[in-house]
Amino acid sequence: MRPSSSLATAAALLVAVLVSGCGVTERQRLTYEPEEFDSTTTHTRSYTASEAQTCEAARRALLSQGYMVTAANQELVTGRKSFQPATEVHVEVEFRVVCAREGGKSRSTIAFASALQDRYGVKKVNNSASVGVGAIGSLSLPFSSSDDAMVKVASETLTDDRFYDRFFSLIERYLPESIEPAAPPAEARPVAPQRPPAGVPLQLQSVPLSPSRG
């Protein structure tokens, strides 16, 4: 084989590798799309209530579904719940709700909800036994033991619209019912004096009747 032909072959292989690398980079860029920030309804819902009332309703909603509330105040509620979908799979969902008053003179509150799902898997950890020997130091023996440990394998923010719709609907059940303001009392009107019957003298009307004495 001539040197020039071998150089041409190597150059062609290098170009092929570079082209394939660019293809992989382009596929990765398409797979991991950046945030579009186009949805404003998945994680938010407005309620005609105060921040304290909205967060209290969110706290009760989480408690009703078995979540362990880890923090709760007038502006923030967090809770955690564990799941076991498979024998060697453990899932934890951490819910976070922030209550904020809408701007202006509005009496509504926006609830921002976000749920983080952590997935754990069982991993076996091998522990080899060793024995200390004074002359040569430590000596590793051929037998070993293994322990099972839960290791986090994935973490993801839930973005299912139906998941949050069910939660927001549950909040509405625990909001206090709106109380209509009581109607103001009617203004007192002066009572018009009754007119005497026709044909009755006026002096008889002004003199009260007294019981007759025996």
Protein backbone atom coordinates (compact mmCIF):
# COMPACT_ATOMS: atom_id res chain seq x y z
CA MET A 1 0.00 0.00 0.00
CA ARG A 2 1.29 3.41 -0.92
CA PRO A 3 1.89 5.98 1.83
CA SER A 4 -0.37 8.47 0.08
CA SER A 5 -3.27 6.00 -0.03
CA SER A 6 -2.85 5.16 3.67
CA LEU A 7 -2.87 8.85 4.53
CA ALA A 8 -6.03 9.33 2.50
CA THR A 9 -7.69 6.42 4.27
CA ALA A 10 -6.75 7.80 7.70
CA ALA A 11 -8.07 11.22 6.74
CA ALA A 12 -11.35 9.70 5.59
CA LEU A 13 -11.71 7.78 8.87
CA LEU A 14 -11.01 10.96 10.84
CA VAL A 15 -13.68 12.86 8.91
CA ALA A 16 -16.16 10.02 9.50
CA VAL A 17 -15.46 10.08 13.23
CA LEU A 18 -15.93 13.84 13.38
CA VAL A 19 -19.17 13.65 11.43
CA SER A 20 -20.51 10.87 13.65
CA GLY A 21 -19.52 12.88 16.73
CA CYS A 22 -21.43 15.88 15.44
CA GLY A 23 -24.42 13.62 14.86
CA VAL A 24 -24.31 12.37 18.46
CA THR A 25 -24.05 15.92 19.75
CA GLU A 26 -27.04 16.98 17.67
CA ARG A 27 -29.12 14.03 18.93
CA GLN A 28 -28.23 14.86 22.53
CA ARG A 29 -29.20 18.46 21.92
CA LEU A 30 -32.60 17.34 20.64
CA THR A 31 -33.09 14.90 23.51
CA TYR A 32 -32.32 17.32 26.33
CA GLU A 33 -34.44 20.24 25.25
CA PRO A 34 -34.18 23.38 27.36
CA GLU A 35 -37.10 24.71 29.41
CA GLU A 36 -39.70 26.38 27.20
CA PHE A 37 -41.58 28.16 30.04
CA ASP A 38 -44.81 28.05 28.06
CA SER A 39 -47.21 26.51 30.60
CA THR A 40 -48.61 28.57 33.49
CA THR A 41 -51.42 26.27 34.60
CA THR A 42 -49.74 22.95 35.41
CA HIS A 43 -48.21 24.03 38.71
CA THR A 44 -50.47 26.97 39.64
CA ARG A 45 -54.08 27.57 40.60
CA SER A 46 -55.92 30.65 41.92
CA TYR A 47 -58.35 30.60 44.85
CA THR A 48 -60.61 33.26 46.32
CA ALA A 49 -59.07 32.98 49.77
CA SER A 50 -56.20 34.35 51.83
CA GLU A 51 -52.69 32.90 51.87
CA ALA A 52 -53.25 31.34 55.30
CA GLN A 53 -56.53 29.73 54.23
CA THR A 54 -55.03 28.37 51.01
CA CYS A 55 -51.95 26.89 52.69
CA GLU A 56 -54.08 25.39 55.46
CA ALA A 57 -56.29 23.74 52.83
CA ALA A 58 -53.15 22.41 51.10
CA ARG A 59 -51.86 21.02 54.41
CA ARG A 60 -55.11 19.18 55.03
CA ALA A 61 -55.18 17.91 51.47
CA LEU A 62 -51.72 16.37 51.87
CA LEU A 63 -52.60 14.89 55.26
CA SER A 64 -55.74 13.30 53.82
CA GLN A 65 -53.58 11.42 51.28
CA GLY A 66 -51.08 10.06 53.79
CA TYR A 67 -48.31 12.62 53.32
CA MET A 68 -46.11 13.39 56.31
CA VAL A 69 -46.11 17.19 56.61
CA THR A 70 -42.55 18.38 57.27
CA ALA A 71 -43.22 22.15 57.29
CA ALA A 72 -46.34 24.31 57.39
CA ASN A 73 -46.99 28.02 57.80
CA GLN A 74 -49.10 30.73 56.19
CA GLU A 75 -46.99 30.80 53.02
CA LEU A 76 -45.42 27.34 52.65
CA VAL A 77 -46.38 23.68 53.06
CA THR A 78 -44.13 20.68 52.39
CA GLY A 79 -44.88 16.99 52.73
CA ARG A 80 -43.30 13.63 51.91
CA LYS A 81 -44.76 10.23 51.08
CA SER A 82 -43.09 6.85 50.41
CA PHE A 83 -44.12 4.26 47.82
CA GLN A 84 -42.99 0.69 47.10
CA PRO A 85 -43.91 -0.06 43.46
CA ALA A 86 -41.65 -3.15 43.32
CA THR A 87 -39.71 -5.38 45.67
CA GLU A 88 -36.35 -3.70 45.13
CA VAL A 89 -37.62 -0.25 44.17
CA HIS A 90 -38.40 2.54 46.62
CA VAL A 91 -39.96 5.87 45.58
CA GLU A 92 -40.37 9.04 47.63
CA VAL A 93 -42.46 12.02 46.55
CA GLU A 94 -41.82 15.39 48.18
CA PHE A 95 -44.62 17.92 47.71
CA ARG A 96 -44.09 21.66 48.04
CA VAL A 97 -46.84 24.31 47.98
CA VAL A 98 -46.22 28.08 48.12
CA CYS A 99 -49.15 30.45 48.69
CA ALA A 100 -48.80 34.03 47.41
CA ARG A 101 -51.29 36.87 47.21
CA GLU A 102 -52.10 38.10 43.72
CA GLY A 103 -51.10 41.65 42.87
CA GLY A 104 -53.26 44.73 43.14
CA LYS A 105 -56.41 44.81 45.21
CA SER A 106 -57.35 41.24 44.33
CA ARG A 107 -58.59 39.01 47.14
CA SER A 108 -57.29 35.87 45.42
CA THR A 109 -54.25 33.73 46.25
CA ILE A 110 -52.08 31.76 43.84
CA ALA A 111 -50.97 28.29 44.94
CA PHE A 112 -47.69 27.12 43.37
CA ALA A 113 -47.29 23.34 43.63
CA SER A 114 -44.30 21.20 42.71
CA ALA A 115 -43.66 17.51 43.40
CA LEU A 116 -40.19 15.93 43.29
CA GLN A 117 -39.95 12.15 42.83
CA ASP A 118 -36.82 10.32 44.02
CA ARG A 119 -36.33 6.70 42.99
CA TYR A 120 -34.08 4.32 44.96
CA GLY A 121 -32.82 0.87 44.03
CA VAL A 122 -31.21 -1.94 46.01
CA LYS A 123 -27.46 -2.23 45.55
CA LYS A 124 -25.35 -5.01 47.00
CA VAL A 125 -22.14 -3.89 48.73
CA ASN A 126 -19.43 -6.54 49.07
CA ASN A 127 -17.39 -6.48 52.25
CA SER A 128 -14.17 -8.56 52.15
CA ALA A 129 -12.85 -9.85 55.45
CA SER A 130 -9.26 -9.14 56.49
CA VAL A 131 -7.11 -10.39 59.35
CA GLY A 132 -4.18 -8.48 60.81
CA VAL A 133 -0.85 -10.33 60.90
CA GLY A 134 1.96 -8.77 62.86
CA ALA A 135 4.79 -9.67 60.48
CA ILE A 136 3.19 -8.94 57.10
CA GLY A 137 0.40 -6.54 58.03
CA SER A 138 -3.19 -7.30 57.02
CA LEU A 139 -4.13 -10.42 55.11
CA SER A 140 -7.31 -10.52 53.00
CA LEU A 141 -9.21 -13.77 53.22
CA PRO A 142 -11.06 -15.26 50.23
CA PHE A 143 -14.54 -15.18 51.80
CA SER A 144 -16.66 -12.01 51.83
CA SER A 145 -20.12 -10.81 52.87
CA SER A 146 -22.61 -8.56 51.08
CA ASP A 147 -25.05 -6.00 52.43
CA ASP A 148 -28.08 -4.48 50.70
CA ALA A 149 -28.26 -0.69 50.55
CA MET A 150 -30.78 1.68 48.98
CA VAL A 151 -29.11 3.99 46.46
CA LYS A 152 -30.79 6.90 44.67
CA VAL A 153 -30.91 6.09 40.98
CA ALA A 154 -33.18 8.86 39.63
CA SER A 155 -34.72 12.21 40.60
CA GLU A 156 -37.41 13.96 38.59
CA THR A 157 -39.94 16.77 38.99
CA LEU A 158 -43.44 15.53 38.18
CA THR A 159 -45.11 17.42 35.32
CA ASP A 160 -48.31 15.44 34.75
CA ASP A 161 -51.25 17.86 34.42
CA ARG A 162 -53.76 15.31 35.73
CA PHE A 163 -51.68 14.75 38.87
CA TYR A 164 -51.80 18.43 39.81
CA ASP A 165 -55.43 18.85 38.74
CA ARG A 166 -56.48 16.22 41.26
CA PHE A 167 -54.46 17.91 43.99
CA PHE A 168 -55.84 21.38 43.26
CA SER A 169 -59.38 20.01 43.23
CA LEU A 170 -58.72 18.45 46.64
CA ILE A 171 -57.59 21.83 47.99
CA GLU A 172 -60.97 23.31 47.06
CA ARG A 173 -62.71 20.77 49.31
CA TYR A 174 -60.80 22.04 52.35
CA LEU A 175 -61.22 25.76 51.69
CA PRO A 176 -63.73 27.52 53.98
CA GLU A 177 -67.06 28.26 52.40
CA SER A 178 -67.50 31.86 51.32
CA ILE A 179 -69.75 33.82 53.67
CA GLU A 180 -71.91 36.45 52.06
CA PRO A 181 -71.92 39.79 53.92
CA ALA A 182 -75.07 40.38 55.92
CA ALA A 183 -77.54 42.83 54.40
CA PRO A 184 -77.59 46.20 56.17
CA PRO A 185 -80.68 46.83 58.32
CA ALA A 186 -83.47 48.78 56.71
CA GLU A 187 -83.64 52.44 57.62
CA ALA A 188 -86.28 53.29 60.19
CA ARG A 189 -89.14 55.20 58.68
CA PRO A 190 -91.38 57.57 60.70
CA VAL A 191 -94.78 56.12 61.42
CA ALA A 192 -97.54 58.36 60.15
CA PRO A 193 -100.22 59.19 62.77
CA GLN A 194 -103.52 57.47 62.28
CA ARG A 195 -106.35 59.70 61.25
CA PRO A 196 -109.53 59.63 63.40
CA PRO A 197 -112.63 58.10 61.95
CA ALA A 198 -114.92 60.48 60.19
CA GLY A 199 -117.68 62.05 62.32
CA VAL A 200 -115.90 61.64 65.70
CA PRO A 201 -115.24 64.93 67.61
CA LEU A 202 -111.58 65.73 68.20
CA GLN A 203 -112.06 66.46 71.94
CA LEU A 204 -113.24 62.91 72.54
CA GLN A 205 -110.14 61.48 70.93
CA SER A 206 -107.70 63.41 73.14
CA VAL A 207 -109.39 62.53 76.45
CA PRO A 208 -108.38 59.03 77.66
CA LEU A 209 -111.08 56.84 79.00
CA SER A 210 -110.91 56.04 82.74
CA PRO A 211 -112.65 53.16 84.45
CA SER A 212 -115.82 54.09 86.28
CA ARG A 213 -115.76 54.10 90.05
CA GLY A 214 -118.43 52.36 91.99
